[in-house]
């Protein structure tokens, strides 16, 4: 099964091809906004998990 040029999504009528500037904007959004927010949430969730486990099972560090 071979892909033809009509199968490509950018070949549809009215579709705009991706540009370098759009790729750079997407990268900057991902690298400077989305990933830091996700990492902050993951680290906060891990810290909350450790804190909660210390309250329930482990006790404070000695």
PDB file of N, CA and C in Angstrom:
ATOM      1  N   UNK A   1       0.842  -1.174   0.000  1.00  0.00           N
ATOM      2  CA  UNK A   1       0.000   0.000   0.000  1.00  0.00           C
ATOM      3  C   UNK A   1       0.891   1.242   0.000  1.00  0.00           C
ATOM      4  N   UNK A   2       0.780   2.042  -1.005  1.00  0.00           N
ATOM      5  CA  UNK A   2       1.621   3.226  -1.103  1.00  0.00           C
ATOM      6  C   UNK A   2       0.781   4.475  -0.885  1.00  0.00           C
ATOM      7  N   UNK A   3       1.408   5.449  -0.270  1.00  0.00           N
ATOM      8  CA  UNK A   3       0.719   6.715  -0.026  1.00  0.00           C
ATOM      9  C   UNK A   3       0.899   7.624  -1.233  1.00  0.00           C
ATOM     10  N   UNK A   4      -0.158   8.197  -1.657  1.00  0.00           N
ATOM     11  CA  UNK A   4      -0.087   9.150  -2.766  1.00  0.00           C
ATOM     12  C   UNK A   4      -0.153  10.558  -2.200  1.00  0.00           C
ATOM     13  N   UNK A   5       0.062  11.538  -3.042  1.00  0.00           N
ATOM     14  CA  UNK A   5       0.047  12.916  -2.571  1.00  0.00           C
ATOM     15  C   UNK A   5      -1.352  13.341  -2.142  1.00  0.00           C
ATOM     16  N   UNK A   6      -2.388  12.703  -2.653  1.00  0.00           N
ATOM     17  CA  UNK A   6      -3.742  13.086  -2.249  1.00  0.00           C
ATOM     18  C   UNK A   6      -4.079  12.553  -0.863  1.00  0.00           C
ATOM     19  N   UNK A   7      -3.291  11.580  -0.345  1.00  0.00           N
ATOM     20  CA  UNK A   7      -3.539  11.045   0.988  1.00  0.00           C
ATOM     21  C   UNK A   7      -2.966  11.948   2.081  1.00  0.00           C
ATOM     22  N   UNK A   8      -2.069  12.816   1.700  1.00  0.00           N
ATOM     23  CA  UNK A   8      -1.420  13.674   2.684  1.00  0.00           C
ATOM     24  C   UNK A   8      -2.417  14.720   3.187  1.00  0.00           C
ATOM     25  N   UNK A   9      -2.476  14.948   4.528  1.00  0.00           N
ATOM     26  CA  UNK A   9      -3.457  15.905   5.064  1.00  0.00           C
ATOM     27  C   UNK A   9      -3.281  17.324   4.538  1.00  0.00           C
ATOM     28  N   UNK A  10      -2.053  17.731   4.228  1.00  0.00           N
ATOM     29  CA  UNK A  10      -1.827  19.097   3.756  1.00  0.00           C
ATOM     30  C   UNK A  10      -2.286  19.288   2.318  1.00  0.00           C
ATOM     31  N   UNK A  11      -2.592  18.207   1.617  1.00  0.00           N
ATOM     32  CA  UNK A  11      -3.009  18.340   0.235  1.00  0.00           C
ATOM     33  C   UNK A  11      -4.502  18.598   0.100  1.00  0.00           C
ATOM     34  N   UNK A  12      -5.235  18.555   1.207  1.00  0.00           N
ATOM     35  CA  UNK A  12      -6.667  18.837   1.152  1.00  0.00           C
ATOM     36  C   UNK A  12      -6.907  20.305   0.841  1.00  0.00           C
ATOM     37  N   UNK A  13      -8.035  20.609   0.240  1.00  0.00           N
ATOM     38  CA  UNK A  13      -8.356  21.989  -0.120  1.00  0.00           C
ATOM     39  C   UNK A  13      -8.492  22.834   1.139  1.00  0.00           C
ATOM     40  N   UNK A  14      -7.852  23.976   1.170  1.00  0.00           N
ATOM     41  CA  UNK A  14      -7.936  24.894   2.291  1.00  0.00           C
ATOM     42  C   UNK A  14      -6.964  24.604   3.409  1.00  0.00           C
ATOM     43  N   UNK A  15      -6.229  23.513   3.347  1.00  0.00           N
ATOM     44  CA  UNK A  15      -5.275  23.190   4.406  1.00  0.00           C
ATOM     45  C   UNK A  15      -3.988  23.976   4.189  1.00  0.00           C
ATOM     46  N   UNK A  16      -3.469  24.528   5.284  1.00  0.00           N
ATOM     47  CA  UNK A  16      -2.221  25.276   5.192  1.00  0.00           C
ATOM     48  C   UNK A  16      -1.067  24.371   5.565  1.00  0.00           C
ATOM     49  N   UNK A  17       0.009  24.404   4.815  1.00  0.00           N
ATOM     50  CA  UNK A  17       1.179  23.598   5.195  1.00  0.00           C
ATOM     51  C   UNK A  17       1.825  24.181   6.448  1.00  0.00           C
ATOM     52  N   UNK A  18       2.457  23.323   7.223  1.00  0.00           N
ATOM     53  CA  UNK A  18       3.155  23.796   8.420  1.00  0.00           C
ATOM     54  C   UNK A  18       4.379  24.593   7.999  1.00  0.00           C
ATOM     55  N   UNK A  19       4.628  25.642   8.724  1.00  0.00           N
ATOM     56  CA  UNK A  19       5.783  26.476   8.427  1.00  0.00           C
ATOM     57  C   UNK A  19       6.801  26.348   9.549  1.00  0.00           C
ATOM     58  N   UNK A  20       7.989  26.842   9.271  1.00  0.00           N
ATOM     59  CA  UNK A  20       9.052  26.803  10.274  1.00  0.00           C
ATOM     60  C   UNK A  20       8.655  27.636  11.486  1.00  0.00           C
ATOM     61  N   UNK A  21       8.054  28.797  11.268  1.00  0.00           N
ATOM     62  CA  UNK A  21       7.684  29.663  12.386  1.00  0.00           C
ATOM     63  C   UNK A  21       6.605  29.030  13.250  1.00  0.00           C
ATOM     64  N   UNK A  22       5.687  28.306  12.630  1.00  0.00           N
ATOM     65  CA  UNK A  22       4.660  27.622  13.408  1.00  0.00           C
ATOM     66  C   UNK A  22       5.291  26.500  14.233  1.00  0.00           C
ATOM     67  N   UNK A  23       6.262  25.805  13.662  1.00  0.00           N
ATOM     68  CA  UNK A  23       6.966  24.763  14.403  1.00  0.00           C
ATOM     69  C   UNK A  23       7.743  25.364  15.580  1.00  0.00           C
ATOM     70  N   UNK A  24       8.399  26.495  15.352  1.00  0.00           N
ATOM     71  CA  UNK A  24       9.142  27.148  16.427  1.00  0.00           C
ATOM     72  C   UNK A  24       8.191  27.607  17.525  1.00  0.00           C
ATOM     73  N   UNK A  25       7.060  28.171  17.149  1.00  0.00           N
ATOM     74  CA  UNK A  25       6.064  28.593  18.136  1.00  0.00           C
ATOM     75  C   UNK A  25       5.527  27.429  18.936  1.00  0.00           C
ATOM     76  N   UNK A  26       5.270  26.313  18.268  1.00  0.00           N
ATOM     77  CA  UNK A  26       4.800  25.119  18.974  1.00  0.00           C
ATOM     78  C   UNK A  26       5.860  24.611  19.941  1.00  0.00           C
ATOM     79  N   UNK A  27       7.111  24.607  19.502  1.00  0.00           N
ATOM     80  CA  UNK A  27       8.198  24.168  20.378  1.00  0.00           C
ATOM     81  C   UNK A  27       8.323  25.072  21.595  1.00  0.00           C
ATOM     82  N   UNK A  28       8.285  26.380  21.390  1.00  0.00           N
ATOM     83  CA  UNK A  28       8.419  27.307  22.513  1.00  0.00           C
ATOM     84  C   UNK A  28       7.258  27.176  23.487  1.00  0.00           C
ATOM     85  N   UNK A  29       6.055  26.989  22.981  1.00  0.00           N
ATOM     86  CA  UNK A  29       4.905  26.790  23.853  1.00  0.00           C
ATOM     87  C   UNK A  29       5.085  25.526  24.688  1.00  0.00           C
ATOM     88  N   UNK A  30       5.515  24.467  24.038  1.00  0.00           N
ATOM     89  CA  UNK A  30       5.724  23.206  24.753  1.00  0.00           C
ATOM     90  C   UNK A  30       6.862  23.321  25.766  1.00  0.00           C
ATOM     91  N   UNK A  31       7.984  23.887  25.348  1.00  0.00           N
ATOM     92  CA  UNK A  31       9.176  23.929  26.196  1.00  0.00           C
ATOM     93  C   UNK A  31       9.080  24.955  27.320  1.00  0.00           C
ATOM     94  N   UNK A  32       8.399  26.069  27.089  1.00  0.00           N
ATOM     95  CA  UNK A  32       8.398  27.157  28.072  1.00  0.00           C
ATOM     96  C   UNK A  32       7.128  27.249  28.899  1.00  0.00           C
ATOM     97  N   UNK A  33       6.046  26.600  28.478  1.00  0.00           N
ATOM     98  CA  UNK A  33       4.785  26.712  29.203  1.00  0.00           C
ATOM     99  C   UNK A  33       4.288  25.343  29.660  1.00  0.00           C
ATOM    100  N   UNK A  34       4.057  24.451  28.726  1.00  0.00           N
ATOM    101  CA  UNK A  34       3.370  23.200  29.049  1.00  0.00           C
ATOM    102  C   UNK A  34       4.250  22.291  29.901  1.00  0.00           C
ATOM    103  N   UNK A  35       5.476  22.030  29.483  1.00  0.00           N
ATOM    104  CA  UNK A  35       6.333  21.123  30.247  1.00  0.00           C
ATOM    105  C   UNK A  35       6.667  21.633  31.654  1.00  0.00           C
ATOM    106  N   UNK A  36       6.978  22.919  31.851  1.00  0.00           N
ATOM    107  CA  UNK A  36       7.199  23.378  33.227  1.00  0.00           C
ATOM    108  C   UNK A  36       5.963  23.222  34.116  1.00  0.00           C
ATOM    109  N   UNK A  37       4.780  23.468  33.581  1.00  0.00           N
ATOM    110  CA  UNK A  37       3.558  23.297  34.372  1.00  0.00           C
ATOM    111  C   UNK A  37       3.354  21.827  34.725  1.00  0.00           C
ATOM    112  N   UNK A  38       3.569  20.938  33.759  1.00  0.00           N
ATOM    113  CA  UNK A  38       3.417  19.505  34.021  1.00  0.00           C
ATOM    114  C   UNK A  38       4.453  19.028  35.033  1.00  0.00           C
ATOM    115  N   UNK A  39       5.694  19.467  34.908  1.00  0.00           N
ATOM    116  CA  UNK A  39       6.727  19.055  35.850  1.00  0.00           C
ATOM    117  C   UNK A  39       6.458  19.603  37.250  1.00  0.00           C
ATOM    118  N   UNK A  40       5.999  20.824  37.352  1.00  0.00           N
ATOM    119  CA  UNK A  40       5.636  21.389  38.650  1.00  0.00           C
ATOM    120  C   UNK A  40       4.541  20.552  39.292  1.00  0.00           C
ATOM    121  N   UNK A  41       3.526  20.180  38.520  1.00  0.00           N
ATOM    122  CA  UNK A  41       2.451  19.347  39.047  1.00  0.00           C
ATOM    123  C   UNK A  41       2.936  17.971  39.464  1.00  0.00           C
ATOM    124  N   UNK A  42       3.831  17.374  38.679  1.00  0.00           N
ATOM    125  CA  UNK A  42       4.346  16.049  39.015  1.00  0.00           C
ATOM    126  C   UNK A  42       5.181  16.093  40.291  1.00  0.00           C
ATOM    127  N   UNK A  43       6.028  17.096  40.438  1.00  0.00           N
ATOM    128  CA  UNK A  43       6.852  17.214  41.636  1.00  0.00           C
ATOM    129  C   UNK A  43       5.978  17.510  42.856  1.00  0.00           C
ATOM    130  N   UNK A  44       4.978  18.352  42.687  1.00  0.00           N
ATOM    131  CA  UNK A  44       4.058  18.638  43.793  1.00  0.00           C
ATOM    132  C   UNK A  44       3.283  17.387  44.191  1.00  0.00           C
ATOM    133  N   UNK A  45       2.837  16.603  43.217  1.00  0.00           N
ATOM    134  CA  UNK A  45       2.112  15.369  43.523  1.00  0.00           C
ATOM    135  C   UNK A  45       3.016  14.372  44.242  1.00  0.00           C
ATOM    136  N   UNK A  46       4.261  14.258  43.837  1.00  0.00           N
ATOM    137  CA  UNK A  46       5.209  13.369  44.511  1.00  0.00           C
ATOM    138  C   UNK A  46       5.450  13.824  45.951  1.00  0.00           C
ATOM    139  N   UNK A  47       5.646  15.118  46.143  1.00  0.00           N
ATOM    140  CA  UNK A  47       5.834  15.647  47.491  1.00  0.00           C
ATOM    141  C   UNK A  47       4.618  15.416  48.368  1.00  0.00           C
ATOM    142  N   UNK A  48       3.427  15.604  47.808  1.00  0.00           N
ATOM    143  CA  UNK A  48       2.207  15.341  48.568  1.00  0.00           C
ATOM    144  C   UNK A  48       2.108  13.865  48.920  1.00  0.00           C
ATOM    145  N   UNK A  49       2.472  12.976  48.007  1.00  0.00           N
ATOM    146  CA  UNK A  49       2.434  11.537  48.265  1.00  0.00           C
ATOM    147  C   UNK A  49       3.371  11.171  49.414  1.00  0.00           C
ATOM    148  N   UNK A  50       4.592  11.688  49.396  1.00  0.00           N
ATOM    149  CA  UNK A  50       5.556  11.397  50.460  1.00  0.00           C
ATOM    150  C   UNK A  50       5.040  11.931  51.792  1.00  0.00           C
ATOM    151  N   UNK A  51       4.535  13.147  51.799  1.00  0.00           N
ATOM    152  CA  UNK A  51       4.014  13.749  53.018  1.00  0.00           C
ATOM    153  C   UNK A  51       2.853  12.934  53.577  1.00  0.00           C
ATOM    154  N   UNK A  52       1.949  12.510  52.714  1.00  0.00           N
ATOM    155  CA  UNK A  52       0.786  11.739  53.131  1.00  0.00           C
ATOM    156  C   UNK A  52       1.207  10.368  53.661  1.00  0.00           C
ATOM    157  N   UNK A  53       2.181   9.733  53.027  1.00  0.00           N
ATOM    158  CA  UNK A  53       2.654   8.435  53.502  1.00  0.00           C
ATOM    159  C   UNK A  53       3.362   8.562  54.852  1.00  0.00           C
ATOM    160  N   UNK A  54       4.049   9.672  55.080  1.00  0.00           N
ATOM    161  CA  UNK A  54       4.678   9.897  56.379  1.00  0.00           C
ATOM    162  C   UNK A  54       3.630  10.054  57.468  1.00  0.00           C
ATOM    163  N   UNK A  55       2.534  10.717  57.151  1.00  0.00           N
ATOM    164  CA  UNK A  55       1.450  10.876  58.132  1.00  0.00           C
ATOM    165  C   UNK A  55       0.821   9.532  58.455  1.00  0.00           C
ATOM    166  N   UNK A  56       0.584   8.700  57.428  1.00  0.00           N
ATOM    167  CA  UNK A  56      -0.137   7.451  57.634  1.00  0.00           C
ATOM    168  C   UNK A  56       0.733   6.302  58.119  1.00  0.00           C
ATOM    169  N   UNK A  57       1.912   6.103  57.523  1.00  0.00           N
ATOM    170  CA  UNK A  57       2.657   4.884  57.767  1.00  0.00           C
ATOM    171  C   UNK A  57       4.072   5.078  58.268  1.00  0.00           C
ATOM    172  N   UNK A  58       4.845   5.944  57.662  1.00  0.00           N
ATOM    173  CA  UNK A  58       6.268   5.967  57.903  1.00  0.00           C
ATOM    174  C   UNK A  58       6.689   6.806  59.098  1.00  0.00           C
ATOM    175  N   UNK A  59       5.962   7.821  59.421  1.00  0.00           N
ATOM    176  CA  UNK A  59       6.369   8.722  60.492  1.00  0.00           C
ATOM    177  C   UNK A  59       7.425   9.687  59.999  1.00  0.00           C
ATOM    178  N   UNK A  60       7.783  10.648  60.842  1.00  0.00           N
ATOM    179  CA  UNK A  60       8.783  11.635  60.417  1.00  0.00           C
ATOM    180  C   UNK A  60      10.167  11.002  60.326  1.00  0.00           C
ATOM    181  N   UNK A  61      11.025  11.561  59.513  1.00  0.00           N
ATOM    182  CA  UNK A  61      12.381  11.016  59.428  1.00  0.00           C
ATOM    183  C   UNK A  61      13.121  11.232  60.754  1.00  0.00           C
ATOM    184  N   UNK A  62      13.998  10.312  61.086  1.00  0.00           N
ATOM    185  CA  UNK A  62      14.723  10.412  62.360  1.00  0.00           C
ATOM    186  C   UNK A  62      16.156  10.809  62.129  1.00  0.00           C
TER     187      UNK A  62
END
